[in-house]
Amino acid sequence: MALPITHSHWVSDELARRKDVYRRLFAGERLERIPVDARVSVPSSYSLREQFQDGDKQLSAALANALATWARAPSSDCIPAMRPDVGCSCLASAFGAEYYWGDSTDQTPGIRNRVLALENLPEQVALLQSPDPARDGWLPEGLRRIRLFAEAGEGLIPVSLLDAAGGVNVAADLLGMTELMLAFYEQPDALHTLLGKIQTLYAATIRAGIAAAGGEANITTTDYEDVWFPEGCKGHVSDDVSAGFGPDIYAKFSAPYHARIFAEFGAGGLHNCGPNPCHAAYVAHPLSPRSLDLSDTYSHADLPKFKKSLRRRAFIYLFFDGGRSPVDWYREVMDLMAPDVIVVPVITVAPGDEPEALCQALRPIATEYAKRMNWGWDVPAFSK
């Protein structure tokens, strides 16, 4: 059944306008105002577990949110998208890790078993088979959902790819966090070999995901993030584990493997909820991301550091987590970060929270922010 928005010329024109805003933002061109990403979340009758275990239910909830954002927040700069999701440990599942579900039906799945141990790690890694995204673990179901979601979006609602994490995040699933931290120092060569195998699978999963979506034109990024990245800058990586180690470890064990993704798909973005002890290392590599997406809850205290380390190098998507007025929050962020670093607010509200009124209230702040910014980048974005 055709989507209601496919019959709206306004939506097609507005989608083109919004995409152009983000192209210009990534390019460092002066904008009249900073984009405001306000989106609408419709309460679902399905629990998070039901959505993870049933792709049709997950699609129903995602589609309802995307359509509600178009309808209830027409002044937003959000590009409504959908996220097919089979868990952030889906790569680990392809290596043989088993999912388990906790007591709460609103929790995502965890990993039941550790596939590797620190003892004899070189031998174990050498024997580790290379998984196939079309065959192993939760990846085939993830690819099926990407295809399902992309078909439902009809080219107007892009889809993210899988929350595949990659790199040290997957290594932590396979080894355990304590063993990973020890491996940095006790088994660095074996860990590099493991990270190489993980990244090979990650890249293959991204390629398969792009094919399932019908091409890069239908995806937001190469990772789970449902913010739209411009053509040539689709590459996105996640590194939540970096909240627990320092920049030297990041430079050795994270950045080189992120660079493989950026080299193939463009250096679009990096996610870490926070905190961010590696903040300067994020943008110290020749293939560094143009944007970061962060949780305000865990990264707000790091904003003064980012004001220095990201200046004229990258901008931030900051996900608002509630607890106060989003308008007051964004004004505080602007006053802190202007004129050095752009922060795009990502704010999710319920339909009854007057999303359009929120957009209108945020626009004057976003306009003032743009006027106060020192525009342009010192380092060109790497695009494929």
Protein backbone atom coordinates (compact mmCIF):
# COMPACT_ATOMS: atom_id res chain seq x y z
CA MET A 1 0.00 0.00 0.00
CA ALA A 2 1.39 3.40 -0.99
CA LEU A 3 2.45 5.78 1.74
CA PRO A 4 0.34 8.92 2.17
CA ILE A 5 3.42 11.11 1.83
CA THR A 6 4.17 9.81 -1.67
CA HIS A 7 1.24 11.89 -2.92
CA SER A 8 2.57 15.12 -1.43
CA HIS A 9 4.71 17.41 -3.60
CA TRP A 10 5.47 19.39 -0.44
CA VAL A 11 7.16 16.38 1.13
CA SER A 12 9.29 15.74 -1.96
CA ASP A 13 10.35 19.39 -2.16
CA GLU A 14 10.93 19.62 1.59
CA LEU A 15 12.99 16.42 1.61
CA ALA A 16 15.21 17.88 -1.12
CA ARG A 17 15.59 21.11 0.86
CA ARG A 18 16.54 19.30 4.05
CA LYS A 19 19.07 17.10 2.29
CA ASP A 20 20.68 20.19 0.80
CA VAL A 21 20.95 21.74 4.28
CA TYR A 22 22.94 18.75 5.52
CA ARG A 23 25.11 18.67 2.41
CA ARG A 24 26.04 22.30 3.08
CA LEU A 25 26.55 21.63 6.78
CA PHE A 26 29.02 18.82 6.08
CA ALA A 27 30.78 21.06 3.54
CA GLY A 28 31.15 23.88 6.07
CA GLU A 29 29.08 26.36 4.08
CA ARG A 30 27.40 29.19 5.95
CA LEU A 31 23.77 28.48 6.80
CA GLU A 32 20.98 30.84 7.77
CA ARG A 33 20.36 28.72 10.85
CA ILE A 34 21.66 25.57 12.46
CA PRO A 35 19.42 22.60 11.60
CA VAL A 36 16.91 21.57 14.24
CA ASP A 37 16.26 17.83 14.28
CA ALA A 38 12.95 17.45 16.12
CA ARG A 39 11.21 14.13 15.64
CA VAL A 40 8.04 12.49 16.91
CA SER A 41 7.78 9.14 18.68
CA VAL A 42 4.36 7.53 18.73
CA PRO A 43 3.74 5.28 21.76
CA SER A 44 3.80 1.68 20.53
CA SER A 45 1.59 -1.17 21.66
CA TYR A 46 4.61 -3.45 21.20
CA SER A 47 7.39 -3.87 23.75
CA LEU A 48 10.99 -3.38 22.69
CA ARG A 49 11.52 -7.14 22.85
CA GLU A 50 8.50 -7.77 20.62
CA GLN A 51 9.91 -5.35 18.06
CA PHE A 52 13.35 -6.95 18.15
CA GLN A 53 11.90 -10.42 17.71
CA ASP A 54 9.33 -9.51 15.04
CA GLY A 55 10.42 -7.43 12.07
CA ASP A 56 6.86 -6.61 11.00
CA LYS A 57 6.09 -5.11 14.41
CA GLN A 58 9.36 -3.18 14.37
CA LEU A 59 8.54 -1.81 10.92
CA SER A 60 5.04 -0.81 12.03
CA ALA A 61 6.42 1.22 14.94
CA ALA A 62 9.21 2.80 12.87
CA LEU A 63 6.88 3.77 10.03
CA ALA A 64 4.39 5.33 12.45
CA ASN A 65 7.16 7.51 13.92
CA ALA A 66 8.44 8.63 10.51
CA LEU A 67 4.97 9.57 9.25
CA ALA A 68 4.14 11.33 12.52
CA THR A 69 7.32 13.41 12.24
CA TRP A 70 6.36 14.60 8.77
CA ALA A 71 2.81 15.36 9.87
CA ARG A 72 3.33 16.80 13.36
CA ALA A 73 6.66 18.64 12.96
CA PRO A 74 6.60 20.19 9.47
CA SER A 75 9.11 22.91 10.45
CA SER A 76 11.70 20.39 11.61
CA ASP A 77 14.90 19.84 9.65
CA CYS A 78 14.76 16.15 10.55
CA ILE A 79 14.85 13.72 7.64
CA PRO A 80 12.46 11.06 8.99
CA ALA A 81 14.07 7.65 8.73
CA MET A 82 13.58 4.09 9.95
CA ARG A 83 15.93 1.82 11.85
CA PRO A 84 15.88 -1.94 11.19
CA ASP A 85 17.48 -3.37 14.31
CA VAL A 86 18.51 -6.85 15.44
CA GLY A 87 20.71 -5.78 18.33
CA CYS A 88 24.10 -4.13 18.72
CA SER A 89 25.77 -7.54 19.13
CA CYS A 90 24.71 -8.87 15.73
CA LEU A 91 28.32 -9.13 14.49
CA ALA A 92 29.25 -11.03 17.63
CA SER A 93 26.32 -13.38 17.00
CA ALA A 94 27.80 -14.17 13.58
CA PHE A 95 31.02 -15.25 15.33
CA GLY A 96 29.00 -17.63 17.53
CA ALA A 97 27.90 -15.50 20.49
CA GLU A 98 24.38 -16.28 21.72
CA TYR A 99 21.75 -13.67 22.57
CA TYR A 100 19.86 -13.68 25.83
CA TRP A 101 16.93 -11.59 27.03
CA GLY A 102 16.67 -10.09 30.50
CA ASP A 103 13.63 -9.89 32.72
CA SER A 104 12.47 -6.56 31.30
CA THR A 105 10.66 -6.67 27.96
CA ASP A 106 11.96 -3.16 27.25
CA GLN A 107 15.62 -4.14 27.28
CA THR A 108 17.73 -4.97 24.25
CA PRO A 109 19.39 -8.42 24.10
CA GLY A 110 22.77 -9.14 25.65
CA ILE A 111 25.46 -11.78 25.05
CA ARG A 112 25.19 -15.04 26.98
CA ASN A 113 28.54 -16.65 26.19
CA ARG A 114 32.10 -15.48 25.54
CA VAL A 115 33.51 -16.94 22.34
CA LEU A 116 37.15 -16.17 23.19
CA ALA A 117 39.37 -16.16 26.29
CA LEU A 118 42.55 -14.25 26.98
CA GLU A 119 44.47 -17.48 27.54
CA ASN A 120 45.77 -18.80 24.20
CA LEU A 121 44.13 -15.89 22.39
CA PRO A 122 46.48 -16.03 19.36
CA GLU A 123 45.59 -19.66 18.67
CA GLN A 124 41.88 -19.06 19.18
CA VAL A 125 41.83 -16.05 16.87
CA ALA A 126 43.74 -17.97 14.21
CA LEU A 127 41.04 -20.66 14.25
CA LEU A 128 38.16 -18.17 14.19
CA GLN A 129 36.18 -18.68 11.01
CA SER A 130 35.16 -15.74 8.80
CA PRO A 131 31.35 -15.39 9.06
CA ASP A 132 29.03 -14.77 6.13
CA PRO A 133 26.50 -11.91 6.56
CA ALA A 134 24.00 -13.85 4.47
CA ARG A 135 24.24 -16.94 6.65
CA ASP A 136 25.48 -16.41 10.19
CA GLY A 137 23.94 -15.22 13.44
CA TRP A 138 21.34 -12.47 13.36
CA LEU A 139 22.82 -10.85 10.25
CA PRO A 140 20.54 -12.57 7.67
CA GLU A 141 17.47 -11.40 9.61
CA GLY A 142 18.98 -7.91 9.79
CA LEU A 143 19.48 -7.84 6.04
CA ARG A 144 15.93 -9.06 5.50
CA ARG A 145 14.63 -6.22 7.65
CA ILE A 146 16.70 -3.64 5.78
CA ARG A 147 15.10 -4.84 2.56
CA LEU A 148 11.62 -4.84 4.15
CA PHE A 149 12.01 -1.35 5.61
CA ALA A 150 13.49 0.12 2.43
CA GLU A 151 10.63 -1.22 0.34
CA ALA A 152 8.13 0.25 2.80
CA GLY A 153 9.90 3.63 2.65
CA GLU A 154 9.39 3.86 -1.12
CA GLY A 155 12.51 5.98 -1.58
CA LEU A 156 11.16 8.81 0.59
CA ILE A 157 11.93 7.37 4.03
CA PRO A 158 15.58 6.26 4.19
CA VAL A 159 16.71 3.43 6.42
CA SER A 160 19.74 3.03 8.61
CA LEU A 161 21.86 -0.08 8.36
CA LEU A 162 22.45 -2.43 11.28
CA ASP A 163 23.68 -1.50 14.74
CA ALA A 164 26.78 -3.59 14.04
CA ALA A 165 29.20 -1.65 16.28
CA GLY A 166 32.43 -3.03 14.83
CA GLY A 167 35.95 -2.87 16.24
CA VAL A 168 36.52 -2.89 19.96
CA ASN A 169 32.80 -3.06 20.71
CA VAL A 170 32.55 -6.48 19.07
CA ALA A 171 35.85 -7.55 20.61
CA ALA A 172 34.35 -6.73 24.02
CA ASP A 173 31.36 -8.97 23.22
CA LEU A 174 33.62 -11.84 22.16
CA LEU A 175 36.17 -11.52 24.98
CA GLY A 176 34.44 -9.71 27.80
CA MET A 177 35.33 -6.20 28.90
CA THR A 178 37.96 -7.11 31.48
CA GLU A 179 39.72 -9.47 29.10
CA LEU A 180 39.65 -6.85 26.35
CA MET A 181 41.34 -4.29 28.60
CA LEU A 182 44.03 -6.82 29.49
CA ALA A 183 44.47 -7.80 25.84
CA PHE A 184 45.41 -4.22 24.93
CA TYR A 185 48.58 -4.75 26.95
CA GLU A 186 49.13 -8.50 27.12
CA GLN A 187 48.04 -9.68 23.65
CA PRO A 188 48.15 -6.68 21.32
CA ASP A 189 49.14 -8.63 18.21
CA ALA A 190 46.37 -11.19 18.65
CA LEU A 191 43.91 -8.39 19.32
CA HIS A 192 44.91 -6.63 16.10
CA THR A 193 44.34 -9.87 14.21
CA LEU A 194 40.92 -10.19 15.81
CA LEU A 195 40.02 -6.59 15.04
CA GLY A 196 41.02 -7.18 11.43
CA LYS A 197 38.63 -10.12 11.17
CA ILE A 198 35.86 -8.14 12.83
CA GLN A 199 36.35 -5.23 10.47
CA THR A 200 36.34 -7.50 7.43
CA LEU A 201 32.94 -8.83 8.51
CA TYR A 202 31.73 -5.32 9.35
CA ALA A 203 32.58 -4.01 5.88
CA ALA A 204 30.98 -7.05 4.23
CA THR A 205 27.84 -6.52 6.31
CA ILE A 206 27.70 -2.87 5.28
CA ARG A 207 28.01 -3.78 1.60
CA ALA A 208 25.27 -6.39 1.97
CA GLY A 209 23.11 -3.86 3.81
CA ILE A 210 23.51 -1.27 1.06
CA ALA A 211 22.51 -3.87 -1.51
CA ALA A 212 19.49 -4.91 0.58
CA ALA A 213 18.38 -1.27 0.81
CA GLY A 214 18.57 -0.87 -2.95
CA GLY A 215 21.64 1.38 -2.92
CA GLU A 216 23.24 4.16 -0.90
CA ALA A 217 20.54 6.61 -1.98
CA ASN A 218 18.13 4.79 0.34
CA ILE A 219 20.28 4.73 3.51
CA THR A 220 21.04 7.26 6.22
CA THR A 221 24.53 6.00 7.11
CA THR A 222 26.43 2.72 7.08
CA ASP A 223 25.62 2.20 10.78
CA TYR A 224 22.51 2.31 12.95
CA GLU A 225 22.23 6.09 13.25
CA ASP A 226 19.00 7.41 11.75
CA VAL A 227 20.34 10.86 10.88
CA TRP A 228 20.93 11.35 7.16
CA PHE A 229 24.51 11.78 5.93
CA PRO A 230 25.27 13.28 2.49
CA GLU A 231 26.48 11.35 -0.50
CA GLY A 232 30.16 10.43 -0.25
CA CYS A 233 30.09 10.78 3.56
CA LYS A 234 27.92 7.79 4.46
CA GLY A 235 30.57 6.12 6.63
CA HIS A 236 29.66 5.91 10.32
CA VAL A 237 31.22 3.92 13.16
CA SER A 238 30.42 3.30 16.83
CA ASP A 239 32.90 3.20 19.69
CA ASP A 240 31.10 3.21 23.03
CA VAL A 241 33.89 1.16 24.59
CA SER A 242 36.24 4.12 24.11
CA ALA A 243 34.50 5.74 27.08
CA GLY A 244 36.60 3.39 29.20
CA PHE A 245 40.12 3.93 27.88
CA GLY A 246 42.49 6.70 26.86
CA PRO A 247 43.62 8.34 23.62
CA ASP A 248 46.73 6.19 23.20
CA ILE A 249 44.64 3.03 23.12
CA TYR A 250 42.16 4.73 20.81
CA ALA A 251 44.92 5.71 18.38
CA LYS A 252 46.23 2.13 18.24
CA PHE A 253 43.12 -0.01 18.41
CA SER A 254 40.18 2.13 17.28
CA ALA A 255 41.16 4.81 14.77
CA PRO A 256 42.96 2.53 12.25
CA TYR A 257 39.92 0.26 12.00
CA HIS A 258 37.46 3.14 11.79
CA ALA A 259 39.62 4.44 8.95
CA ARG A 260 38.93 1.30 6.93
CA ILE A 261 35.22 2.10 6.97
CA PHE A 262 35.78 5.79 6.28
CA ALA A 263 38.12 5.03 3.38
CA GLU A 264 35.48 2.92 1.66
CA PHE A 265 32.29 4.80 2.51
CA GLY A 266 33.39 8.34 3.44
CA ALA A 267 34.25 9.87 6.83
CA GLY A 268 30.78 10.85 7.96
CA GLY A 269 30.43 10.26 11.68
CA LEU A 270 31.30 8.51 14.91
CA HIS A 271 29.08 7.56 17.85
CA ASN A 272 29.95 7.32 21.51
CA CYS A 273 27.30 7.91 24.14
CA GLY A 274 30.02 9.28 26.43
CA PRO A 275 31.99 10.19 28.39
CA ASN A 276 34.77 11.05 25.96
CA PRO A 277 38.34 10.71 27.29
CA CYS A 278 39.45 10.26 23.66
CA HIS A 279 37.77 13.44 22.39
CA ALA A 280 40.85 14.88 20.69
CA ALA A 281 41.85 11.50 19.23
CA TYR A 282 38.51 11.28 17.40
CA VAL A 283 39.71 13.89 14.91
CA ALA A 284 43.48 13.32 14.99
CA HIS A 285 43.53 10.65 12.27
CA PRO A 286 43.93 11.55 8.57
CA LEU A 287 40.56 9.85 8.04
CA SER A 288 38.56 11.54 10.78
CA PRO A 289 34.77 11.90 11.04
CA ARG A 290 33.09 15.16 10.11
CA SER A 291 30.47 14.67 12.85
CA LEU A 292 30.00 13.06 16.26
CA ASP A 293 26.69 11.85 17.64
CA LEU A 294 26.57 11.90 21.42
CA SER A 295 24.14 11.45 24.29
CA ASP A 296 23.70 14.66 26.24
CA THR A 297 23.33 12.68 29.46
CA TYR A 298 26.82 11.18 29.17
CA SER A 299 28.61 13.81 27.09
CA HIS A 300 27.30 17.20 28.27
CA ALA A 301 30.18 17.60 30.72
CA ASP A 302 32.63 17.09 27.85
CA LEU A 303 31.28 19.95 25.72
CA PRO A 304 33.94 22.44 26.92
CA LYS A 305 36.62 19.97 25.78
CA PHE A 306 34.93 19.53 22.41
CA LYS A 307 34.79 23.30 22.02
CA LYS A 308 38.58 23.13 21.65
CA SER A 309 39.23 19.73 20.05
CA LEU A 310 36.53 19.92 17.36
CA ARG A 311 36.95 23.60 16.46
CA ARG A 312 36.78 23.95 12.65
CA ARG A 313 37.15 20.18 12.30
CA ALA A 314 33.77 18.58 13.12
CA PHE A 315 30.28 19.23 14.47
CA ILE A 316 28.06 17.42 16.96
CA TYR A 317 24.63 15.83 16.83
CA LEU A 318 23.62 16.03 20.50
CA PHE A 319 20.71 13.80 21.54
CA PHE A 320 18.58 15.49 24.17
CA ASP A 321 17.52 13.13 26.94
CA GLY A 322 14.87 15.21 28.71
CA GLY A 323 14.66 16.37 32.30
CA ARG A 324 14.37 20.07 31.48
CA SER A 325 13.04 22.48 28.88
CA PRO A 326 14.63 21.60 25.51
CA VAL A 327 14.52 25.29 24.56
CA ASP A 328 16.47 26.35 27.66
CA TRP A 329 18.84 23.43 27.14
CA TYR A 330 19.64 24.37 23.55
CA ARG A 331 20.20 28.03 24.39
CA GLU A 332 22.67 26.96 27.06
CA VAL A 333 24.44 24.71 24.54
CA MET A 334 24.61 27.55 22.01
CA ASP A 335 26.03 30.00 24.53
CA LEU A 336 28.69 27.46 25.46
CA MET A 337 29.74 26.24 22.01
CA ALA A 338 29.39 29.28 19.69
CA PRO A 339 31.33 30.44 17.74
CA ASP A 340 33.59 27.38 17.67
CA VAL A 341 31.56 24.18 17.30
CA ILE A 342 28.15 23.57 15.74
CA VAL A 343 25.74 21.46 17.78
CA VAL A 344 22.68 20.12 15.98
CA PRO A 345 19.99 19.30 18.58
CA VAL A 346 18.22 15.97 18.16
CA ILE A 347 15.05 16.04 20.22
CA THR A 348 12.34 13.37 20.31
CA VAL A 349 8.89 14.20 21.66
CA ALA A 350 5.50 12.55 21.85
CA PRO A 351 2.68 13.74 19.55
CA GLY A 352 0.96 15.42 22.49
CA ASP A 353 4.02 17.52 23.36
CA GLU A 354 3.34 20.05 20.58
CA PRO A 355 6.31 19.16 18.33
CA GLU A 356 5.63 21.94 15.83
CA ALA A 357 5.52 24.56 18.59
CA LEU A 358 8.86 23.20 19.81
CA CYS A 359 10.36 23.63 16.34
CA GLN A 360 9.15 27.21 16.19
CA ALA A 361 10.59 27.95 19.64
CA LEU A 362 13.99 26.49 18.71
CA ARG A 363 14.31 28.31 15.37
CA PRO A 364 15.30 31.74 16.77
CA ILE A 365 18.07 30.11 18.81
CA ALA A 366 19.27 28.18 15.77
CA THR A 367 19.27 31.39 13.71
CA GLU A 368 21.25 33.27 16.35
CA TYR A 369 23.66 30.34 16.62
CA ALA A 370 24.36 30.47 12.87
CA LYS A 371 25.04 34.21 13.02
CA ARG A 372 27.54 33.71 15.85
CA MET A 373 29.42 30.80 14.22
CA ASN A 374 32.88 30.95 12.73
CA TRP A 375 32.01 29.00 9.59
CA GLY A 376 34.23 26.72 7.55
CA TRP A 377 36.50 23.73 8.14
CA ASP A 378 40.26 23.69 8.46
CA VAL A 379 40.34 20.08 7.27
CA PRO A 380 38.28 18.96 4.25
CA ALA A 381 35.94 16.04 4.86
CA PHE A 382 37.13 12.81 3.35
CA SER A 383 34.53 11.56 0.91
CA LYS A 384 34.75 8.41 -1.12
